[in-house]
PDB file of N, CA and C in Angstrom:
ATOM      1  N   MET A   1      23.650  18.471  -0.203  1.00  0.00           N
ATOM      2  CA  MET A   1      24.416  17.272   0.082  1.00  0.00           C
ATOM      3  C   MET A   1      25.646  17.265  -0.807  1.00  0.00           C
ATOM      4  N   THR A   2      26.767  16.968  -0.242  1.00  0.00           N
ATOM      5  CA  THR A   2      28.000  16.896  -1.012  1.00  0.00           C
ATOM      6  C   THR A   2      28.363  15.440  -1.219  1.00  0.00           C
ATOM      7  N   LEU A   3      28.530  15.079  -2.472  1.00  0.00           N
ATOM      8  CA  LEU A   3      28.904  13.712  -2.804  1.00  0.00           C
ATOM      9  C   LEU A   3      30.422  13.603  -2.875  1.00  0.00           C
ATOM     10  N   PRO A   4      30.963  12.417  -2.735  1.00  0.00           N
ATOM     11  CA  PRO A   4      32.404  12.230  -2.861  1.00  0.00           C
ATOM     12  C   PRO A   4      32.897  12.630  -4.250  1.00  0.00           C
ATOM     13  N   LYS A   5      34.198  12.835  -4.341  1.00  0.00           N
ATOM     14  CA  LYS A   5      34.799  13.208  -5.622  1.00  0.00           C
ATOM     15  C   LYS A   5      34.508  12.170  -6.688  1.00  0.00           C
ATOM     16  N   GLY A   6      34.198  12.637  -7.888  1.00  0.00           N
ATOM     17  CA  GLY A   6      33.916  11.745  -8.992  1.00  0.00           C
ATOM     18  C   GLY A   6      32.439  11.479  -9.186  1.00  0.00           C
ATOM     19  N   TYR A   7      31.599  11.936  -8.262  1.00  0.00           N
ATOM     20  CA  TYR A   7      30.158  11.755  -8.378  1.00  0.00           C
ATOM     21  C   TYR A   7      29.515  13.133  -8.492  1.00  0.00           C
ATOM     22  N   GLY A   8      28.506  13.221  -9.323  1.00  0.00           N
ATOM     23  CA  GLY A   8      27.830  14.498  -9.510  1.00  0.00           C
ATOM     24  C   GLY A   8      28.417  15.244 -10.691  1.00  0.00           C
ATOM     25  N   GLY A   9      27.605  16.085 -11.294  1.00  0.00           N
ATOM     26  CA  GLY A   9      28.034  16.791 -12.493  1.00  0.00           C
ATOM     27  C   GLY A   9      28.988  17.938 -12.246  1.00  0.00           C
ATOM     28  N   SER A  10      28.990  18.485 -11.030  1.00  0.00           N
ATOM     29  CA  SER A  10      29.827  19.658 -10.780  1.00  0.00           C
ATOM     30  C   SER A  10      30.920  19.354  -9.775  1.00  0.00           C
ATOM     31  N   GLY A  11      31.627  18.279  -9.972  1.00  0.00           N
ATOM     32  CA  GLY A  11      32.762  17.955  -9.114  1.00  0.00           C
ATOM     33  C   GLY A  11      32.376  17.527  -7.709  1.00  0.00           C
ATOM     34  N   GLY A  12      31.215  16.958  -7.547  1.00  0.00           N
ATOM     35  CA  GLY A  12      30.833  16.478  -6.237  1.00  0.00           C
ATOM     36  C   GLY A  12      29.900  17.418  -5.505  1.00  0.00           C
ATOM     37  N   ARG A  13      29.614  18.573  -6.031  1.00  0.00           N
ATOM     38  CA  ARG A  13      28.706  19.517  -5.385  1.00  0.00           C
ATOM     39  C   ARG A  13      27.273  19.267  -5.862  1.00  0.00           C
ATOM     40  N   VAL A  14      26.346  19.786  -5.104  1.00  0.00           N
ATOM     41  CA  VAL A  14      24.939  19.629  -5.433  1.00  0.00           C
ATOM     42  C   VAL A  14      24.625  20.468  -6.662  1.00  0.00           C
ATOM     43  N   SER A  15      23.847  19.904  -7.578  1.00  0.00           N
ATOM     44  CA  SER A  15      23.497  20.628  -8.785  1.00  0.00           C
ATOM     45  C   SER A  15      22.481  21.721  -8.464  1.00  0.00           C
ATOM     46  N   SER A  16      22.274  22.628  -9.404  1.00  0.00           N
ATOM     47  CA  SER A  16      21.371  23.747  -9.176  1.00  0.00           C
ATOM     48  C   SER A  16      19.923  23.307  -9.101  1.00  0.00           C
ATOM     49  N   SER A  17      19.615  22.061  -9.467  1.00  0.00           N
ATOM     50  CA  SER A  17      18.239  21.583  -9.397  1.00  0.00           C
ATOM     51  C   SER A  17      17.842  21.195  -7.977  1.00  0.00           C
ATOM     52  N   GLY A  18      18.735  21.341  -7.018  1.00  0.00           N
ATOM     53  CA  GLY A  18      18.381  21.093  -5.630  1.00  0.00           C
ATOM     54  C   GLY A  18      18.820  19.748  -5.095  1.00  0.00           C
ATOM     55  N   GLY A  19      19.442  18.912  -5.872  1.00  0.00           N
ATOM     56  CA  GLY A  19      19.888  17.619  -5.370  1.00  0.00           C
ATOM     57  C   GLY A  19      20.741  16.916  -6.388  1.00  0.00           C
ATOM     58  N   SER A  20      21.423  15.909  -5.921  1.00  0.00           N
ATOM     59  CA  SER A  20      22.258  15.137  -6.832  1.00  0.00           C
ATOM     60  C   SER A  20      21.372  14.166  -7.593  1.00  0.00           C
ATOM     61  N   GLY A  21      21.850  13.739  -8.741  1.00  0.00           N
ATOM     62  CA  GLY A  21      21.060  12.831  -9.564  1.00  0.00           C
ATOM     63  C   GLY A  21      20.929  11.461  -8.949  1.00  0.00           C
ATOM     64  N   ARG A  22      19.829  10.804  -9.237  1.00  0.00           N
ATOM     65  CA  ARG A  22      19.574   9.463  -8.723  1.00  0.00           C
ATOM     66  C   ARG A  22      20.631   8.486  -9.219  1.00  0.00           C
ATOM     67  N   ASP A  23      21.048   8.659 -10.469  1.00  0.00           N
ATOM     68  CA  ASP A  23      22.065   7.764 -11.022  1.00  0.00           C
ATOM     69  C   ASP A  23      23.377   7.881 -10.260  1.00  0.00           C
ATOM     70  N   ASP A  24      23.744   9.101  -9.875  1.00  0.00           N
ATOM     71  CA  ASP A  24      24.985   9.288  -9.120  1.00  0.00           C
ATOM     72  C   ASP A  24      24.913   8.594  -7.763  1.00  0.00           C
ATOM     73  N   ILE A  25      23.775   8.710  -7.105  1.00  0.00           N
ATOM     74  CA  ILE A  25      23.636   8.082  -5.793  1.00  0.00           C
ATOM     75  C   ILE A  25      23.625   6.564  -5.932  1.00  0.00           C
ATOM     76  N   GLU A  26      22.947   6.038  -6.952  1.00  0.00           N
ATOM     77  CA  GLU A  26      22.946   4.588  -7.164  1.00  0.00           C
ATOM     78  C   GLU A  26      24.345   4.067  -7.469  1.00  0.00           C
ATOM     79  N   ARG A  27      25.117   4.822  -8.260  1.00  0.00           N
ATOM     80  CA  ARG A  27      26.492   4.401  -8.543  1.00  0.00           C
ATOM     81  C   ARG A  27      27.322   4.401  -7.272  1.00  0.00           C
ATOM     82  N   MET A  28      27.093   5.383  -6.408  1.00  0.00           N
ATOM     83  CA  MET A  28      27.874   5.490  -5.182  1.00  0.00           C
ATOM     84  C   MET A  28      27.526   4.352  -4.220  1.00  0.00           C
ATOM     85  N   ILE A  29      26.256   3.989  -4.121  1.00  0.00           N
ATOM     86  CA  ILE A  29      25.826   2.971  -3.172  1.00  0.00           C
ATOM     87  C   ILE A  29      26.137   1.573  -3.686  1.00  0.00           C
ATOM     88  N   GLY A  30      25.885   1.308  -4.942  1.00  0.00           N
ATOM     89  CA  GLY A  30      26.141  -0.014  -5.492  1.00  0.00           C
ATOM     90  C   GLY A  30      24.966  -0.500  -6.301  1.00  0.00           C
ATOM     91  N   LYS A  31      24.979  -1.778  -6.586  1.00  0.00           N
ATOM     92  CA  LYS A  31      23.949  -2.374  -7.434  1.00  0.00           C
ATOM     93  C   LYS A  31      22.605  -2.402  -6.714  1.00  0.00           C
ATOM     94  N   ARG A  32      21.545  -2.139  -7.448  1.00  0.00           N
ATOM     95  CA  ARG A  32      20.213  -2.124  -6.878  1.00  0.00           C
ATOM     96  C   ARG A  32      19.713  -3.552  -6.665  1.00  0.00           C
ATOM     97  N   VAL A  33      18.964  -3.763  -5.586  1.00  0.00           N
ATOM     98  CA  VAL A  33      18.504  -5.108  -5.253  1.00  0.00           C
ATOM     99  C   VAL A  33      17.371  -5.571  -6.161  1.00  0.00           C
ATOM    100  N   GLU A  34      16.717  -4.649  -6.865  1.00  0.00           N
ATOM    101  CA  GLU A  34      15.646  -5.058  -7.768  1.00  0.00           C
ATOM    102  C   GLU A  34      16.165  -5.923  -8.900  1.00  0.00           C
ATOM    103  N   ASN A  35      17.448  -5.808  -9.191  1.00  0.00           N
ATOM    104  CA  ASN A  35      18.042  -6.541 -10.306  1.00  0.00           C
ATOM    105  C   ASN A  35      18.705  -7.844  -9.866  1.00  0.00           C
ATOM    106  N   MET A  36      18.480  -8.274  -8.638  1.00  0.00           N
ATOM    107  CA  MET A  36      19.159  -9.454  -8.108  1.00  0.00           C
ATOM    108  C   MET A  36      18.222 -10.644  -7.880  1.00  0.00           C
ATOM    109  N   THR A  37      17.102 -10.701  -8.571  1.00  0.00           N
ATOM    110  CA  THR A  37      16.137 -11.779  -8.365  1.00  0.00           C
ATOM    111  C   THR A  37      16.763 -13.146  -8.634  1.00  0.00           C
ATOM    112  N   GLY A  38      17.581 -13.247  -9.671  1.00  0.00           N
ATOM    113  CA  GLY A  38      18.239 -14.518  -9.987  1.00  0.00           C
ATOM    114  C   GLY A  38      19.135 -15.004  -8.872  1.00  0.00           C
ATOM    115  N   ILE A  39      19.841 -14.079  -8.234  1.00  0.00           N
ATOM    116  CA  ILE A  39      20.721 -14.453  -7.128  1.00  0.00           C
ATOM    117  C   ILE A  39      19.902 -14.945  -5.939  1.00  0.00           C
ATOM    118  N   PHE A  40      18.772 -14.287  -5.662  1.00  0.00           N
ATOM    119  CA  PHE A  40      17.934 -14.716  -4.551  1.00  0.00           C
ATOM    120  C   PHE A  40      17.343 -16.094  -4.804  1.00  0.00           C
ATOM    121  N   VAL A  41      16.885 -16.349  -6.022  1.00  0.00           N
ATOM    122  CA  VAL A  41      16.319 -17.662  -6.352  1.00  0.00           C
ATOM    123  C   VAL A  41      17.408 -18.731  -6.300  1.00  0.00           C
ATOM    124  N   MET A  42      18.594 -18.408  -6.806  1.00  0.00           N
ATOM    125  CA  MET A  42      19.702 -19.371  -6.738  1.00  0.00           C
ATOM    126  C   MET A  42      20.070 -19.673  -5.289  1.00  0.00           C
ATOM    127  N   GLY A  43      20.046 -18.672  -4.431  1.00  0.00           N
ATOM    128  CA  GLY A  43      20.307 -18.900  -3.008  1.00  0.00           C
ATOM    129  C   GLY A  43      19.270 -19.809  -2.376  1.00  0.00           C
ATOM    130  N   PHE A  44      18.001 -19.616  -2.759  1.00  0.00           N
ATOM    131  CA  PHE A  44      16.935 -20.491  -2.251  1.00  0.00           C
ATOM    132  C   PHE A  44      17.159 -21.925  -2.716  1.00  0.00           C
ATOM    133  N   VAL A  45      17.478 -22.102  -3.994  1.00  0.00           N
ATOM    134  CA  VAL A  45      17.695 -23.448  -4.535  1.00  0.00           C
ATOM    135  C   VAL A  45      18.863 -24.127  -3.822  1.00  0.00           C
ATOM    136  N   LEU A  46      19.945 -23.400  -3.633  1.00  0.00           N
ATOM    137  CA  LEU A  46      21.109 -23.981  -2.947  1.00  0.00           C
ATOM    138  C   LEU A  46      20.797 -24.300  -1.485  1.00  0.00           C
ATOM    139  N   ALA A  47      20.039 -23.435  -0.829  1.00  0.00           N
ATOM    140  CA  ALA A  47      19.659 -23.704   0.560  1.00  0.00           C
ATOM    141  C   ALA A  47      18.770 -24.945   0.639  1.00  0.00           C
ATOM    142  N   TRP A  48      17.857 -25.093  -0.324  1.00  0.00           N
ATOM    143  CA  TRP A  48      16.996 -26.267  -0.317  1.00  0.00           C
ATOM    144  C   TRP A  48      17.798 -27.535  -0.583  1.00  0.00           C
ATOM    145  N   ILE A  49      18.750 -27.470  -1.501  1.00  0.00           N
ATOM    146  CA  ILE A  49      19.598 -28.633  -1.781  1.00  0.00           C
ATOM    147  C   ILE A  49      20.392 -29.020  -0.540  1.00  0.00           C
ATOM    148  N   ALA A  50      20.906 -28.025   0.170  1.00  0.00           N
ATOM    149  CA  ALA A  50      21.649 -28.310   1.402  1.00  0.00           C
ATOM    150  C   ALA A  50      20.727 -28.930   2.458  1.00  0.00           C
ATOM    151  N   THR A  51      19.519 -28.426   2.561  1.00  0.00           N
ATOM    152  CA  THR A  51      18.555 -28.982   3.513  1.00  0.00           C
ATOM    153  C   THR A  51      18.210 -30.422   3.153  1.00  0.00           C
ATOM    154  N   ALA A  52      17.921 -30.661   1.878  1.00  0.00           N
ATOM    155  CA  ALA A  52      17.589 -32.018   1.447  1.00  0.00           C
ATOM    156  C   ALA A  52      18.781 -32.953   1.649  1.00  0.00           C
ATOM    157  N   GLY A  53      19.976 -32.464   1.383  1.00  0.00           N
ATOM    158  CA  GLY A  53      21.172 -33.281   1.612  1.00  0.00           C
ATOM    159  C   GLY A  53      21.357 -33.626   3.076  1.00  0.00           C
ATOM    160  N   GLY A  54      21.095 -32.664   3.945  1.00  0.00           N
ATOM    161  CA  GLY A  54      21.202 -32.930   5.379  1.00  0.00           C
ATOM    162  C   GLY A  54      20.175 -33.936   5.848  1.00  0.00           C
ATOM    163  N   VAL A  55      18.972 -33.828   5.339  1.00  0.00           N
ATOM    164  CA  VAL A  55      17.930 -34.794   5.695  1.00  0.00           C
ATOM    165  C   VAL A  55      18.293 -36.182   5.158  1.00  0.00           C
ATOM    166  N   TYR A  56      18.810 -36.235   3.937  1.00  0.00           N
ATOM    167  CA  TYR A  56      19.219 -37.520   3.347  1.00  0.00           C
ATOM    168  C   TYR A  56      20.302 -38.191   4.195  1.00  0.00           C
ATOM    169  N   VAL A  57      21.301 -37.407   4.578  1.00  0.00           N
ATOM    170  CA  VAL A  57      22.374 -37.971   5.407  1.00  0.00           C
ATOM    171  C   VAL A  57      21.819 -38.423   6.752  1.00  0.00           C
ATOM    172  N   GLY A  58      20.941 -37.616   7.328  1.00  0.00           N
ATOM    173  CA  GLY A  58      20.364 -38.013   8.613  1.00  0.00           C
ATOM    174  C   GLY A  58      19.567 -39.292   8.521  1.00  0.00           C
ATOM    175  N   VAL A  59      18.810 -39.457   7.449  1.00  0.00           N
ATOM    176  CA  VAL A  59      17.962 -40.645   7.304  1.00  0.00           C
ATOM    177  C   VAL A  59      18.781 -41.876   6.945  1.00  0.00           C
ATOM    178  N   THR A  60      19.826 -41.713   6.119  1.00  0.00           N
ATOM    179  CA  THR A  60      20.588 -42.887   5.679  1.00  0.00           C
ATOM    180  C   THR A  60      21.724 -43.261   6.624  1.00  0.00           C
ATOM    181  N   VAL A  61      22.415 -42.286   7.177  1.00  0.00           N
ATOM    182  CA  VAL A  61      23.559 -42.597   8.037  1.00  0.00           C
ATOM    183  C   VAL A  61      23.126 -42.858   9.470  1.00  0.00           C
ATOM    184  N   TYR A  62      22.128 -42.104   9.946  1.00  0.00           N
ATOM    185  CA  TYR A  62      21.655 -42.260  11.323  1.00  0.00           C
ATOM    186  C   TYR A  62      20.173 -42.631  11.338  1.00  0.00           C
ATOM    187  N   PRO A  63      19.801 -43.792  10.783  1.00  0.00           N
ATOM    188  CA  PRO A  63      18.366 -44.130  10.714  1.00  0.00           C
ATOM    189  C   PRO A  63      17.737 -44.358  12.078  1.00  0.00           C
ATOM    190  N   TRP A  64      18.517 -44.714  13.093  1.00  0.00           N
ATOM    191  CA  TRP A  64      17.964 -44.923  14.423  1.00  0.00           C
ATOM    192  C   TRP A  64      17.611 -43.583  15.098  1.00  0.00           C
ATOM    193  N   ALA A  65      18.276 -42.515  14.683  1.00  0.00           N
ATOM    194  CA  ALA A  65      17.996 -41.205  15.269  1.00  0.00           C
ATOM    195  C   ALA A  65      17.012 -40.394  14.426  1.00  0.00           C
ATOM    196  N   TYR A  66      17.059 -40.602  13.106  1.00  0.00           N
ATOM    197  CA  TYR A  66      16.198 -39.852  12.188  1.00  0.00           C
ATOM    198  C   TYR A  66      15.449 -40.823  11.275  1.00  0.00           C
ATOM    199  N   PRO A  67      14.327 -41.373  11.727  1.00  0.00           N
ATOM    200  CA  PRO A  67      13.560 -42.271  10.848  1.00  0.00           C
ATOM    201  C   PRO A  67      12.992 -41.502   9.656  1.00  0.00           C
ATOM    202  N   LEU A  68      12.652 -42.217   8.607  1.00  0.00           N
ATOM    203  CA  LEU A  68      12.197 -41.594   7.362  1.00  0.00           C
ATOM    204  C   LEU A  68      10.995 -40.665   7.541  1.00  0.00           C
ATOM    205  N   PRO A  69       9.947 -41.031   8.262  1.00  0.00           N
ATOM    206  CA  PRO A  69       8.832 -40.088   8.421  1.00  0.00           C
ATOM    207  C   PRO A  69       9.250 -38.780   9.098  1.00  0.00           C
ATOM    208  N   SER A  70      10.143 -38.888  10.065  1.00  0.00           N
ATOM    209  CA  SER A  70      10.633 -37.689  10.742  1.00  0.00           C
ATOM    210  C   SER A  70      11.459 -36.832   9.793  1.00  0.00           C
ATOM    211  N   GLY A  71      12.258 -37.468   8.964  1.00  0.00           N
ATOM    212  CA  GLY A  71      13.059 -36.733   7.995  1.00  0.00           C
ATOM    213  C   GLY A  71      12.209 -36.038   6.951  1.00  0.00           C
ATOM    214  N   LEU A  72      11.176 -36.734   6.472  1.00  0.00           N
ATOM    215  CA  LEU A  72      10.279 -36.111   5.489  1.00  0.00           C
ATOM    216  C   LEU A  72       9.507 -34.950   6.093  1.00  0.00           C
ATOM    217  N   TYR A  73       9.099 -35.092   7.340  1.00  0.00           N
ATOM    218  CA  TYR A  73       8.411 -33.998   8.014  1.00  0.00           C
ATOM    219  C   TYR A  73       9.344 -32.792   8.167  1.00  0.00           C
ATOM    220  N   ALA A  74      10.581 -33.045   8.582  1.00  0.00           N
ATOM    221  CA  ALA A  74      11.547 -31.960   8.731  1.00  0.00           C
ATOM    222  C   ALA A  74      11.808 -31.283   7.388  1.00  0.00           C
ATOM    223  N   LEU A  75      11.927 -32.070   6.329  1.00  0.00           N
ATOM    224  CA  LEU A  75      12.164 -31.498   5.005  1.00  0.00           C
ATOM    225  C   LEU A  75      10.992 -30.629   4.559  1.00  0.00           C
ATOM    226  N   SER A  76       9.770 -31.091   4.817  1.00  0.00           N
ATOM    227  CA  SER A  76       8.607 -30.299   4.401  1.00  0.00           C
ATOM    228  C   SER A  76       8.495 -29.010   5.206  1.00  0.00           C
ATOM    229  N   VAL A  77       8.739 -29.066   6.505  1.00  0.00           N
ATOM    230  CA  VAL A  77       8.662 -27.851   7.330  1.00  0.00           C
ATOM    231  C   VAL A  77       9.758 -26.866   6.933  1.00  0.00           C
ATOM    232  N   LEU A  78      10.956 -27.354   6.743  1.00  0.00           N
ATOM    233  CA  LEU A  78      12.054 -26.459   6.364  1.00  0.00           C
ATOM    234  C   LEU A  78      11.855 -25.894   4.959  1.00  0.00           C
ATOM    235  N   THR A  79      11.243 -26.652   4.069  1.00  0.00           N
ATOM    236  CA  THR A  79      10.943 -26.148   2.737  1.00  0.00           C
ATOM    237  C   THR A  79       9.950 -24.994   2.818  1.00  0.00           C
ATOM    238  N   VAL A  80       8.947 -25.127   3.657  1.00  0.00           N
ATOM    239  CA  VAL A  80       7.970 -24.042   3.820  1.00  0.00           C
ATOM    240  C   VAL A  80       8.644 -22.801   4.408  1.00  0.00           C
ATOM    241  N   ILE A  81       9.504 -22.984   5.392  1.00  0.00           N
ATOM    242  CA  ILE A  81      10.202 -21.843   5.999  1.00  0.00           C
ATOM    243  C   ILE A  81      11.094 -21.151   4.974  1.00  0.00           C
ATOM    244  N   GLU A  82      11.835 -21.935   4.193  1.00  0.00           N
ATOM    245  CA  GLU A  82      12.709 -21.345   3.174  1.00  0.00           C
ATOM    246  C   GLU A  82      11.898 -20.643   2.086  1.00  0.00           C
ATOM    247  N   ALA A  83      10.769 -21.231   1.695  1.00  0.00           N
ATOM    248  CA  ALA A  83       9.930 -20.606   0.670  1.00  0.00           C
ATOM    249  C   ALA A  83       9.334 -19.300   1.177  1.00  0.00           C
ATOM    250  N   LEU A  84       8.922 -19.257   2.432  1.00  0.00           N
ATOM    251  CA  LEU A  84       8.434 -18.003   3.005  1.00  0.00           C
ATOM    252  C   LEU A  84       9.532 -16.941   3.020  1.00  0.00           C
ATOM    253  N   GLY A  85      10.742 -17.359   3.340  1.00  0.00           N
ATOM    254  CA  GLY A  85      11.865 -16.416   3.304  1.00  0.00           C
ATOM    255  C   GLY A  85      12.084 -15.857   1.914  1.00  0.00           C
ATOM    256  N   LEU A  86      12.052 -16.713   0.906  1.00  0.00           N
ATOM    257  CA  LEU A  86      12.207 -16.245  -0.479  1.00  0.00           C
ATOM    258  C   LEU A  86      11.062 -15.313  -0.855  1.00  0.00           C
ATOM    259  N   PHE A  87       9.842 -15.660  -0.464  1.00  0.00           N
ATOM    260  CA  PHE A  87       8.689 -14.813  -0.760  1.00  0.00           C
ATOM    261  C   PHE A  87       8.874 -13.415  -0.182  1.00  0.00           C
ATOM    262  N   TRP A  88       9.292 -13.334   1.077  1.00  0.00           N
ATOM    263  CA  TRP A  88       9.456 -12.021   1.702  1.00  0.00           C
ATOM    264  C   TRP A  88      10.610 -11.256   1.089  1.00  0.00           C
ATOM    265  N   ILE A  89      11.697 -11.923   0.738  1.00  0.00           N
ATOM    266  CA  ILE A  89      12.816 -11.241   0.084  1.00  0.00           C
ATOM    267  C   ILE A  89      12.359 -10.644  -1.238  1.00  0.00           C
ATOM    268  N   LEU A  90      11.658 -11.425  -2.044  1.00  0.00           N
ATOM    269  CA  LEU A  90      11.199 -10.918  -3.340  1.00  0.00           C
ATOM    270  C   LEU A  90      10.154  -9.822  -3.170  1.00  0.00           C
ATOM    271  N   LYS A  91       9.305  -9.945  -2.161  1.00  0.00           N
ATOM    272  CA  LYS A  91       8.302  -8.911  -1.918  1.00  0.00           C
ATOM    273  C   LYS A  91       8.966  -7.586  -1.538  1.00  0.00           C
ATOM    274  N   ILE A  92       9.941  -7.631  -0.669  1.00  0.00           N
ATOM    275  CA  ILE A  92      10.609  -6.409  -0.223  1.00  0.00           C
ATOM    276  C   ILE A  92      11.413  -5.778  -1.346  1.00  0.00           C
ATOM    277  N   THR A  93      12.088  -6.589  -2.152  1.00  0.00           N
ATOM    278  CA  THR A  93      12.912  -6.013  -3.208  1.00  0.00           C
ATOM    279  C   THR A  93      12.085  -5.419  -4.331  1.00  0.00           C
ATOM    280  N   ARG A  94      10.819  -5.813  -4.455  1.00  0.00           N
ATOM    281  CA  ARG A  94       9.977  -5.262  -5.520  1.00  0.00           C
ATOM    282  C   ARG A  94       9.131  -4.077  -5.070  1.00  0.00           C
ATOM    283  N   GLU A  95       9.271  -3.662  -3.809  1.00  0.00           N
ATOM    284  CA  GLU A  95       8.512  -2.517  -3.341  1.00  0.00           C
ATOM    285  C   GLU A  95       9.006  -1.246  -4.006  1.00  0.00           C
ATOM    286  N   LYS A  96       8.081  -0.354  -4.258  1.00  0.00           N
ATOM    287  CA  LYS A  96       8.437   0.938  -4.832  1.00  0.00           C
ATOM    288  C   LYS A  96       8.883   1.866  -3.712  1.00  0.00           C
ATOM    289  N   PRO A  97       9.951   2.621  -3.889  1.00  0.00           N
ATOM    290  CA  PRO A  97      10.384   3.549  -2.846  1.00  0.00           C
ATOM    291  C   PRO A  97       9.377   4.682  -2.670  1.00  0.00           C
ATOM    292  N   MET A  98       9.196   5.110  -1.452  1.00  0.00           N
ATOM    293  CA  MET A  98       8.259   6.195  -1.186  1.00  0.00           C
ATOM    294  C   MET A  98       8.959   7.523  -1.480  1.00  0.00           C
ATOM    295  N   ARG A  99       8.372   8.300  -2.321  1.00  0.00           N
ATOM    296  CA  ARG A  99       8.917   9.608  -2.692  1.00  0.00           C
ATOM    297  C   ARG A  99       7.981  10.691  -2.159  1.00  0.00           C
ATOM    298  N   PRO A 100       8.522  11.694  -1.475  1.00  0.00           N
ATOM    299  CA  PRO A 100       7.660  12.773  -0.973  1.00  0.00           C
ATOM    300  C   PRO A 100       7.148  13.667  -2.093  1.00  0.00           C
TER     301      PRO A 100
END
């Protein structure tokens, strides 16, 4: 495999060990997702705040269309959906890569 210029120890060519280094490939691709747990949790928190804000506006501004029990039910269902999404994101990012 030939890497772009600036990557790899021998000017972009494959090293004699049979492949390019893992560090070179990670630098070429970008930041690893295993190190982004804080960003994922912050995204979940912001999504939940937006959901709660939408429910609040619906219950207070349009009470005839969104009564309080309906709003609380919607908030609880959407919270479960968002939490499941966060769970799956964290589960996938913590998986170990399969190496032959």
